All heavy atoms as atom14 arrays in JSON, in Angstrom:
{
  "sequence": "SVAEPGVRIRQKSGLNRAILDKGWHSFELAVRNCARRTGAT",
  "atom14_mask": [
    [1, 1, 1, 1, 1, 1, 0, 0, 0, 0, 0, 0, 0, 0],
    [1, 1, 1, 1, 1, 1, 1, 0, 0, 0, 0, 0, 0, 0],
    [1, 1, 1, 1, 1, 0, 0, 0, 0, 0, 0, 0, 0, 0],
    [1, 1, 1, 1, 1, 1, 1, 1, 1, 0, 0, 0, 0, 0],
    [1, 1, 1, 1, 1, 1, 1, 0, 0, 0, 0, 0, 0, 0],
    [1, 1, 1, 1, 0, 0, 0, 0, 0, 0, 0, 0, 0, 0],
    [1, 1, 1, 1, 1, 1, 1, 0, 0, 0, 0, 0, 0, 0],
    [1, 1, 1, 1, 1, 1, 1, 1, 1, 1, 1, 0, 0, 0],
    [1, 1, 1, 1, 1, 1, 1, 1, 0, 0, 0, 0, 0, 0],
    [1, 1, 1, 1, 1, 1, 1, 1, 1, 1, 1, 0, 0, 0],
    [1, 1, 1, 1, 1, 1, 1, 1, 1, 0, 0, 0, 0, 0],
    [1, 1, 1, 1, 1, 1, 1, 1, 1, 0, 0, 0, 0, 0],
    [1, 1, 1, 1, 1, 1, 0, 0, 0, 0, 0, 0, 0, 0],
    [1, 1, 1, 1, 0, 0, 0, 0, 0, 0, 0, 0, 0, 0],
    [1, 1, 1, 1, 1, 1, 1, 1, 0, 0, 0, 0, 0, 0],
    [1, 1, 1, 1, 1, 1, 1, 1, 0, 0, 0, 0, 0, 0],
    [1, 1, 1, 1, 1, 1, 1, 1, 1, 1, 1, 0, 0, 0],
    [1, 1, 1, 1, 1, 0, 0, 0, 0, 0, 0, 0, 0, 0],
    [1, 1, 1, 1, 1, 1, 1, 1, 0, 0, 0, 0, 0, 0],
    [1, 1, 1, 1, 1, 1, 1, 1, 0, 0, 0, 0, 0, 0],
    [1, 1, 1, 1, 1, 1, 1, 1, 0, 0, 0, 0, 0, 0],
    [1, 1, 1, 1, 1, 1, 1, 1, 1, 0, 0, 0, 0, 0],
    [1, 1, 1, 1, 0, 0, 0, 0, 0, 0, 0, 0, 0, 0],
    [1, 1, 1, 1, 1, 1, 1, 1, 1, 1, 1, 1, 1, 1],
    [1, 1, 1, 1, 1, 1, 1, 1, 1, 1, 0, 0, 0, 0],
    [1, 1, 1, 1, 1, 1, 0, 0, 0, 0, 0, 0, 0, 0],
    [1, 1, 1, 1, 1, 1, 1, 1, 1, 1, 1, 0, 0, 0],
    [1, 1, 1, 1, 1, 1, 1, 1, 1, 0, 0, 0, 0, 0],
    [1, 1, 1, 1, 1, 1, 1, 1, 0, 0, 0, 0, 0, 0],
    [1, 1, 1, 1, 1, 0, 0, 0, 0, 0, 0, 0, 0, 0],
    [1, 1, 1, 1, 1, 1, 1, 0, 0, 0, 0, 0, 0, 0],
    [1, 1, 1, 1, 1, 1, 1, 1, 1, 1, 1, 0, 0, 0],
    [1, 1, 1, 1, 1, 1, 1, 1, 0, 0, 0, 0, 0, 0],
    [1, 1, 1, 1, 1, 1, 0, 0, 0, 0, 0, 0, 0, 0],
    [1, 1, 1, 1, 1, 0, 0, 0, 0, 0, 0, 0, 0, 0],
    [1, 1, 1, 1, 1, 1, 1, 1, 1, 1, 1, 0, 0, 0],
    [1, 1, 1, 1, 1, 1, 1, 1, 1, 1, 1, 0, 0, 0],
    [1, 1, 1, 1, 1, 1, 1, 0, 0, 0, 0, 0, 0, 0],
    [1, 1, 1, 1, 0, 0, 0, 0, 0, 0, 0, 0, 0, 0],
    [1, 1, 1, 1, 1, 0, 0, 0, 0, 0, 0, 0, 0, 0],
    [1, 1, 1, 1, 1, 1, 1, 0, 0, 0, 0, 0, 0, 0]
  ],
  "atom14_positions": [
    [[47.89, -43.01, 73.23], [49.2, -43.6, 73.46], [49.14, -44.48, 74.71], [48.11, -44.57, 75.37], [50.25, -42.49, 73.66], [49.94, -41.74, 74.81], [0.0, 0.0, 0.0], [0.0, 0.0, 0.0], [0.0, 0.0, 0.0], [0.0, 0.0, 0.0], [0.0, 0.0, 0.0], [0.0, 0.0, 0.0], [0.0, 0.0, 0.0], [0.0, 0.0, 0.0]],
    [[50.26, -45.09, 75.03], [50.32, -45.94, 76.22], [50.12, -45.09, 77.47], [49.4, -45.47, 78.4], [51.67, -46.69, 76.29], [51.78, -47.48, 77.56], [51.8, -47.61, 75.08], [0.0, 0.0, 0.0], [0.0, 0.0, 0.0], [0.0, 0.0, 0.0], [0.0, 0.0, 0.0], [0.0, 0.0, 0.0], [0.0, 0.0, 0.0], [0.0, 0.0, 0.0]],
    [[50.74, -43.9, 77.5], [50.62, -43.01, 78.65], [49.21, -42.44, 78.78], [48.68, -42.31, 79.88], [51.64, -41.88, 78.56], [0.0, 0.0, 0.0], [0.0, 0.0, 0.0], [0.0, 0.0, 0.0], [0.0, 0.0, 0.0], [0.0, 0.0, 0.0], [0.0, 0.0, 0.0], [0.0, 0.0, 0.0], [0.0, 0.0, 0.0], [0.0, 0.0, 0.0]],
    [[48.6, -42.07, 77.66], [47.25, -41.5, 77.65], [46.39, -42.25, 76.65], [46.25, -41.84, 75.5], [47.31, -40.02, 77.28], [48.0, -39.15, 78.29], [48.01, -37.69, 77.88], [47.15, -37.3, 77.05], [48.88, -36.96, 78.36], [0.0, 0.0, 0.0], [0.0, 0.0, 0.0], [0.0, 0.0, 0.0], [0.0, 0.0, 0.0], [0.0, 0.0, 0.0]],
    [[45.79, -43.37, 77.07], [44.97, -44.14, 76.13], [43.71, -43.38, 75.73], [43.2, -42.55, 76.47], [44.63, -45.4, 76.91], [44.81, -45.05, 78.33], [45.84, -43.97, 78.38], [0.0, 0.0, 0.0], [0.0, 0.0, 0.0], [0.0, 0.0, 0.0], [0.0, 0.0, 0.0], [0.0, 0.0, 0.0], [0.0, 0.0, 0.0], [0.0, 0.0, 0.0]],
    [[43.22, -43.67, 74.53], [42.03, -43.01, 74.02], [40.77, -43.5, 74.69], [40.76, -44.52, 75.39], [0.0, 0.0, 0.0], [0.0, 0.0, 0.0], [0.0, 0.0, 0.0], [0.0, 0.0, 0.0], [0.0, 0.0, 0.0], [0.0, 0.0, 0.0], [0.0, 0.0, 0.0], [0.0, 0.0, 0.0], [0.0, 0.0, 0.0], [0.0, 0.0, 0.0]],
    [[39.68, -42.77, 74.51], [38.39, -43.16, 75.07], [37.41, -43.37, 73.92], [37.53, -42.77, 72.86], [37.84, -42.08, 76.03], [38.72, -41.96, 77.26], [37.72, -40.74, 75.36], [0.0, 0.0, 0.0], [0.0, 0.0, 0.0], [0.0, 0.0, 0.0], [0.0, 0.0, 0.0], [0.0, 0.0, 0.0], [0.0, 0.0, 0.0], [0.0, 0.0, 0.0]],
    [[36.46, -44.25, 74.13], [35.43, -44.58, 73.14], [36.03, -44.97, 71.79], [35.59, -44.51, 70.73], [34.47, -43.41, 72.98], [33.71, -43.12, 74.25], [32.56, -42.17, 73.98], [31.81, -41.97, 75.18], [31.71, -40.8, 75.82], [32.32, -39.75, 75.35], [30.99, -40.69, 76.9], [0.0, 0.0, 0.0], [0.0, 0.0, 0.0], [0.0, 0.0, 0.0]],
    [[37.03, -45.82, 71.82], [37.73, -46.23, 70.61], [36.81, -47.02, 69.68], [36.82, -46.83, 68.47], [39.0, -47.04, 70.96], [39.95, -46.14, 71.73], [39.68, -47.58, 69.72], [41.1, -46.87, 72.37], [0.0, 0.0, 0.0], [0.0, 0.0, 0.0], [0.0, 0.0, 0.0], [0.0, 0.0, 0.0], [0.0, 0.0, 0.0], [0.0, 0.0, 0.0]],
    [[36.01, -47.9, 70.24], [35.12, -48.73, 69.43], [34.09, -47.87, 68.69], [33.82, -48.08, 67.51], [34.41, -49.75, 70.31], [33.61, -50.76, 69.54], [33.14, -51.82, 70.47], [34.28, -52.65, 70.85], [34.38, -53.93, 70.55], [33.41, -54.53, 69.93], [35.43, -54.62, 70.9], [0.0, 0.0, 0.0], [0.0, 0.0, 0.0], [0.0, 0.0, 0.0]],
    [[33.52, -46.87, 69.37], [32.55, -45.99, 68.73], [33.21, -45.18, 67.62], [32.65, -44.98, 66.55], [31.92, -45.03, 69.75], [31.0, -45.7, 70.74], [31.73, -46.14, 72.0], [32.94, -46.3, 72.0], [30.99, -46.35, 73.07], [0.0, 0.0, 0.0], [0.0, 0.0, 0.0], [0.0, 0.0, 0.0], [0.0, 0.0, 0.0], [0.0, 0.0, 0.0]],
    [[34.43, -44.69, 67.88], [35.14, -43.89, 66.9], [35.47, -44.73, 65.66], [35.35, -44.25, 64.54], [36.41, -43.31, 67.52], [37.29, -42.53, 66.58], [36.67, -41.25, 66.1], [37.7, -40.48, 65.29], [37.1, -39.49, 64.45], [0.0, 0.0, 0.0], [0.0, 0.0, 0.0], [0.0, 0.0, 0.0], [0.0, 0.0, 0.0], [0.0, 0.0, 0.0]],
    [[35.86, -45.97, 65.85], [36.18, -46.81, 64.7], [34.93, -47.09, 63.87], [34.98, -47.14, 62.64], [36.84, -48.12, 65.14], [35.93, -48.93, 65.83], [0.0, 0.0, 0.0], [0.0, 0.0, 0.0], [0.0, 0.0, 0.0], [0.0, 0.0, 0.0], [0.0, 0.0, 0.0], [0.0, 0.0, 0.0], [0.0, 0.0, 0.0], [0.0, 0.0, 0.0]],
    [[33.77, -47.24, 64.53], [32.52, -47.42, 63.8], [32.15, -46.18, 63.0], [31.69, -46.26, 61.86], [0.0, 0.0, 0.0], [0.0, 0.0, 0.0], [0.0, 0.0, 0.0], [0.0, 0.0, 0.0], [0.0, 0.0, 0.0], [0.0, 0.0, 0.0], [0.0, 0.0, 0.0], [0.0, 0.0, 0.0], [0.0, 0.0, 0.0], [0.0, 0.0, 0.0]],
    [[32.35, -45.01, 63.6], [32.08, -43.75, 62.9], [33.01, -43.6, 61.7], [32.58, -43.21, 60.62], [32.27, -42.58, 63.86], [32.12, -41.19, 63.27], [30.7, -40.96, 62.78], [32.51, -40.14, 64.29], [0.0, 0.0, 0.0], [0.0, 0.0, 0.0], [0.0, 0.0, 0.0], [0.0, 0.0, 0.0], [0.0, 0.0, 0.0], [0.0, 0.0, 0.0]],
    [[34.3, -43.91, 61.89], [35.26, -43.83, 60.79], [34.85, -44.73, 59.63], [34.9, -44.34, 58.47], [36.66, -44.23, 61.26], [37.27, -43.2, 62.18], [36.77, -42.1, 62.31], [38.35, -43.58, 62.83], [0.0, 0.0, 0.0], [0.0, 0.0, 0.0], [0.0, 0.0, 0.0], [0.0, 0.0, 0.0], [0.0, 0.0, 0.0], [0.0, 0.0, 0.0]],
    [[34.43, -45.94, 59.95], [34.01, -46.89, 58.93], [32.8, -46.34, 58.16], [32.72, -46.41, 56.94], [33.68, -48.23, 59.58], [33.9, -49.4, 58.71], [33.81, -50.76, 59.39], [33.19, -50.86, 60.68], [33.84, -50.91, 61.84], [35.16, -50.86, 61.86], [33.21, -51.01, 62.98], [0.0, 0.0, 0.0], [0.0, 0.0, 0.0], [0.0, 0.0, 0.0]],
    [[31.85, -45.75, 58.88], [30.64, -45.21, 58.24], [30.99, -44.03, 57.33], [30.44, -43.89, 56.24], [29.64, -44.78, 59.3], [0.0, 0.0, 0.0], [0.0, 0.0, 0.0], [0.0, 0.0, 0.0], [0.0, 0.0, 0.0], [0.0, 0.0, 0.0], [0.0, 0.0, 0.0], [0.0, 0.0, 0.0], [0.0, 0.0, 0.0], [0.0, 0.0, 0.0]],
    [[31.9, -43.16, 57.78], [32.29, -42.0, 56.97], [32.99, -42.44, 55.69], [32.68, -41.96, 54.6], [33.2, -41.06, 57.78], [32.4, -40.36, 58.88], [33.87, -40.02, 56.88], [33.24, -39.59, 59.86], [0.0, 0.0, 0.0], [0.0, 0.0, 0.0], [0.0, 0.0, 0.0], [0.0, 0.0, 0.0], [0.0, 0.0, 0.0], [0.0, 0.0, 0.0]],
    [[33.92, -43.38, 55.82], [34.7, -43.81, 54.67], [33.91, -44.69, 53.71], [34.27, -44.86, 52.55], [35.96, -44.53, 55.14], [36.95, -43.64, 55.9], [38.08, -44.48, 56.48], [37.49, -42.55, 55.01], [0.0, 0.0, 0.0], [0.0, 0.0, 0.0], [0.0, 0.0, 0.0], [0.0, 0.0, 0.0], [0.0, 0.0, 0.0], [0.0, 0.0, 0.0]],
    [[32.78, -45.25, 54.19], [31.95, -46.13, 53.37], [31.0, -45.4, 52.43], [30.42, -46.01, 51.55], [31.1, -47.01, 54.28], [31.57, -48.44, 54.29], [32.54, -48.73, 53.6], [30.94, -49.25, 55.0], [0.0, 0.0, 0.0], [0.0, 0.0, 0.0], [0.0, 0.0, 0.0], [0.0, 0.0, 0.0], [0.0, 0.0, 0.0], [0.0, 0.0, 0.0]],
    [[30.82, -44.13, 52.6], [29.75, -43.41, 51.92], [29.93, -43.27, 50.41], [28.96, -43.05, 49.71], [29.55, -42.02, 52.53], [28.99, -42.09, 53.92], [27.69, -42.85, 53.92], [27.2, -43.11, 55.31], [26.33, -44.23, 55.42], [0.0, 0.0, 0.0], [0.0, 0.0, 0.0], [0.0, 0.0, 0.0], [0.0, 0.0, 0.0], [0.0, 0.0, 0.0]],
    [[31.1, -43.36, 49.89], [31.29, -43.25, 48.46], [31.16, -41.82, 47.97], [30.21, -41.47, 47.27], [0.0, 0.0, 0.0], [0.0, 0.0, 0.0], [0.0, 0.0, 0.0], [0.0, 0.0, 0.0], [0.0, 0.0, 0.0], [0.0, 0.0, 0.0], [0.0, 0.0, 0.0], [0.0, 0.0, 0.0], [0.0, 0.0, 0.0], [0.0, 0.0, 0.0]],
    [[32.08, -40.98, 48.37], [32.02, -39.56, 48.05], [32.15, -39.3, 46.55], [31.62, -38.31, 46.04], [33.08, -38.79, 48.83], [32.83, -38.89, 50.3], [33.55, -39.61, 51.2], [31.77, -38.28, 51.04], [33.0, -39.48, 52.44], [31.9, -38.67, 52.38], [30.72, -37.45, 50.69], [31.04, -38.25, 53.37], [29.85, -37.03, 51.68], [30.01, -37.43, 53.0]],
    [[32.82, -40.19, 45.82], [32.96, -40.01, 44.38], [31.59, -40.12, 43.71], [31.26, -39.32, 42.82], [33.94, -41.02, 43.8], [34.13, -40.87, 42.33], [34.78, -39.8, 41.76], [33.72, -41.65, 41.3], [34.77, -39.92, 40.46], [34.14, -41.04, 40.14], [0.0, 0.0, 0.0], [0.0, 0.0, 0.0], [0.0, 0.0, 0.0], [0.0, 0.0, 0.0]],
    [[30.79, -41.07, 44.13], [29.45, -41.23, 43.56], [28.59, -40.01, 43.86], [27.8, -39.56, 43.02], [28.77, -42.47, 44.13], [29.51, -43.61, 43.8], [0.0, 0.0, 0.0], [0.0, 0.0, 0.0], [0.0, 0.0, 0.0], [0.0, 0.0, 0.0], [0.0, 0.0, 0.0], [0.0, 0.0, 0.0], [0.0, 0.0, 0.0], [0.0, 0.0, 0.0]],
    [[28.74, -39.45, 45.06], [28.0, -38.24, 45.43], [28.4, -37.07, 44.53], [27.55, -36.33, 44.04], [28.26, -37.9, 46.9], [27.6, -36.63, 47.35], [26.22, -36.56, 47.47], [28.35, -35.51, 47.63], [25.61, -35.39, 47.88], [27.76, -34.34, 48.04], [26.38, -34.28, 48.17], [0.0, 0.0, 0.0], [0.0, 0.0, 0.0], [0.0, 0.0, 0.0]],
    [[29.71, -36.93, 44.29], [30.18, -35.85, 43.41], [29.64, -36.02, 42.0], [29.21, -35.05, 41.36], [31.7, -35.82, 43.38], [32.24, -34.69, 42.51], [33.75, -34.7, 42.38], [34.42, -35.49, 43.05], [34.24, -33.91, 41.56], [0.0, 0.0, 0.0], [0.0, 0.0, 0.0], [0.0, 0.0, 0.0], [0.0, 0.0, 0.0], [0.0, 0.0, 0.0]],
    [[29.62, -37.25, 41.49], [29.07, -37.5, 40.15], [27.59, -37.13, 40.08], [27.13, -36.55, 39.09], [29.27, -38.96, 39.76], [30.7, -39.39, 39.46], [30.75, -40.88, 39.17], [31.28, -38.59, 38.32], [0.0, 0.0, 0.0], [0.0, 0.0, 0.0], [0.0, 0.0, 0.0], [0.0, 0.0, 0.0], [0.0, 0.0, 0.0], [0.0, 0.0, 0.0]],
    [[26.83, -37.46, 41.13], [25.41, -37.14, 41.15], [25.19, -35.63, 41.16], [24.32, -35.1, 40.45], [24.74, -37.78, 42.35], [0.0, 0.0, 0.0], [0.0, 0.0, 0.0], [0.0, 0.0, 0.0], [0.0, 0.0, 0.0], [0.0, 0.0, 0.0], [0.0, 0.0, 0.0], [0.0, 0.0, 0.0], [0.0, 0.0, 0.0], [0.0, 0.0, 0.0]],
    [[25.99, -34.91, 41.95], [25.88, -33.45, 42.0], [26.24, -32.84, 40.66], [25.56, -31.93, 40.16], [26.77, -32.88, 43.13], [26.9, -31.38, 43.03], [26.22, -33.28, 44.48], [0.0, 0.0, 0.0], [0.0, 0.0, 0.0], [0.0, 0.0, 0.0], [0.0, 0.0, 0.0], [0.0, 0.0, 0.0], [0.0, 0.0, 0.0], [0.0, 0.0, 0.0]],
    [[27.31, -33.34, 40.03], [27.71, -32.81, 38.72], [26.64, -33.08, 37.66], [26.39, -32.25, 36.79], [29.04, -33.41, 38.29], [30.21, -32.85, 39.06], [31.53, -33.32, 38.48], [32.63, -32.8, 39.25], [33.13, -31.57, 39.11], [32.62, -30.76, 38.22], [34.13, -31.18, 39.87], [0.0, 0.0, 0.0], [0.0, 0.0, 0.0], [0.0, 0.0, 0.0]],
    [[25.98, -34.23, 37.74], [24.93, -34.56, 36.79], [23.74, -33.61, 36.95], [23.2, -33.1, 35.97], [24.49, -36.01, 36.97], [23.56, -36.46, 35.87], [23.68, -36.05, 34.74], [22.62, -37.31, 36.24], [0.0, 0.0, 0.0], [0.0, 0.0, 0.0], [0.0, 0.0, 0.0], [0.0, 0.0, 0.0], [0.0, 0.0, 0.0], [0.0, 0.0, 0.0]],
    [[23.33, -33.36, 38.2], [22.23, -32.42, 38.45], [22.61, -31.01, 38.0], [21.78, -30.29, 37.43], [21.86, -32.41, 39.93], [21.04, -33.91, 40.46], [0.0, 0.0, 0.0], [0.0, 0.0, 0.0], [0.0, 0.0, 0.0], [0.0, 0.0, 0.0], [0.0, 0.0, 0.0], [0.0, 0.0, 0.0], [0.0, 0.0, 0.0], [0.0, 0.0, 0.0]],
    [[23.85, -30.62, 38.25], [24.31, -29.28, 37.85], [24.34, -29.14, 36.34], [24.02, -28.08, 35.8], [25.69, -29.01, 38.45], [0.0, 0.0, 0.0], [0.0, 0.0, 0.0], [0.0, 0.0, 0.0], [0.0, 0.0, 0.0], [0.0, 0.0, 0.0], [0.0, 0.0, 0.0], [0.0, 0.0, 0.0], [0.0, 0.0, 0.0], [0.0, 0.0, 0.0]],
    [[24.71, -30.2, 35.66], [24.76, -30.16, 34.19], [23.37, -29.93, 33.62], [23.19, -29.16, 32.68], [25.34, -31.47, 33.68], [25.48, -31.55, 32.17], [26.04, -32.88, 31.71], [25.37, -34.02, 32.27], [24.24, -34.56, 31.79], [23.65, -34.03, 30.75], [23.7, -35.61, 32.36], [0.0, 0.0, 0.0], [0.0, 0.0, 0.0], [0.0, 0.0, 0.0]],
    [[22.38, -30.57, 34.22], [21.0, -30.42, 33.73], [20.44, -29.03, 34.0], [19.62, -28.53, 33.24], [20.1, -31.47, 34.37], [20.24, -32.81, 33.68], [19.16, -33.75, 34.11], [19.77, -34.69, 35.06], [19.17, -35.16, 36.12], [17.95, -34.81, 36.41], [19.78, -36.0, 36.91], [0.0, 0.0, 0.0], [0.0, 0.0, 0.0], [0.0, 0.0, 0.0]],
    [[20.86, -28.4, 35.08], [20.32, -27.08, 35.43], [21.2, -25.93, 34.96], [20.82, -24.77, 35.1], [20.14, -26.95, 36.95], [21.41, -27.11, 37.58], [19.16, -27.99, 37.45], [0.0, 0.0, 0.0], [0.0, 0.0, 0.0], [0.0, 0.0, 0.0], [0.0, 0.0, 0.0], [0.0, 0.0, 0.0], [0.0, 0.0, 0.0], [0.0, 0.0, 0.0]],
    [[22.4, -26.24, 34.44], [23.3, -25.2, 33.97], [24.15, -24.58, 35.07], [24.78, -23.55, 34.87], [0.0, 0.0, 0.0], [0.0, 0.0, 0.0], [0.0, 0.0, 0.0], [0.0, 0.0, 0.0], [0.0, 0.0, 0.0], [0.0, 0.0, 0.0], [0.0, 0.0, 0.0], [0.0, 0.0, 0.0], [0.0, 0.0, 0.0], [0.0, 0.0, 0.0]],
    [[24.17, -25.2, 36.24], [24.97, -24.69, 37.36], [26.42, -25.12, 37.2], [26.75, -26.01, 36.43], [24.42, -25.21, 38.68], [0.0, 0.0, 0.0], [0.0, 0.0, 0.0], [0.0, 0.0, 0.0], [0.0, 0.0, 0.0], [0.0, 0.0, 0.0], [0.0, 0.0, 0.0], [0.0, 0.0, 0.0], [0.0, 0.0, 0.0], [0.0, 0.0, 0.0]],
    [[27.31, -24.48, 37.95], [28.73, -24.8, 37.92], [29.13, -25.46, 39.24], [28.74, -24.99, 40.31], [29.57, -23.52, 37.74], [29.14, -22.88, 36.55], [31.05, -23.84, 37.63], [0.0, 0.0, 0.0], [0.0, 0.0, 0.0], [0.0, 0.0, 0.0], [0.0, 0.0, 0.0], [0.0, 0.0, 0.0], [0.0, 0.0, 0.0], [0.0, 0.0, 0.0]]
  ]
}
């Protein structure tokens, strides 16, 4: 906030971008595909 500004904002925004860029849906599909082949749930 204005009274208490954040620290390392640029680094945090880069980390946020990297986390959100990973494509978690594709990861879930890959895990489900491997599980289907091995019979796991």
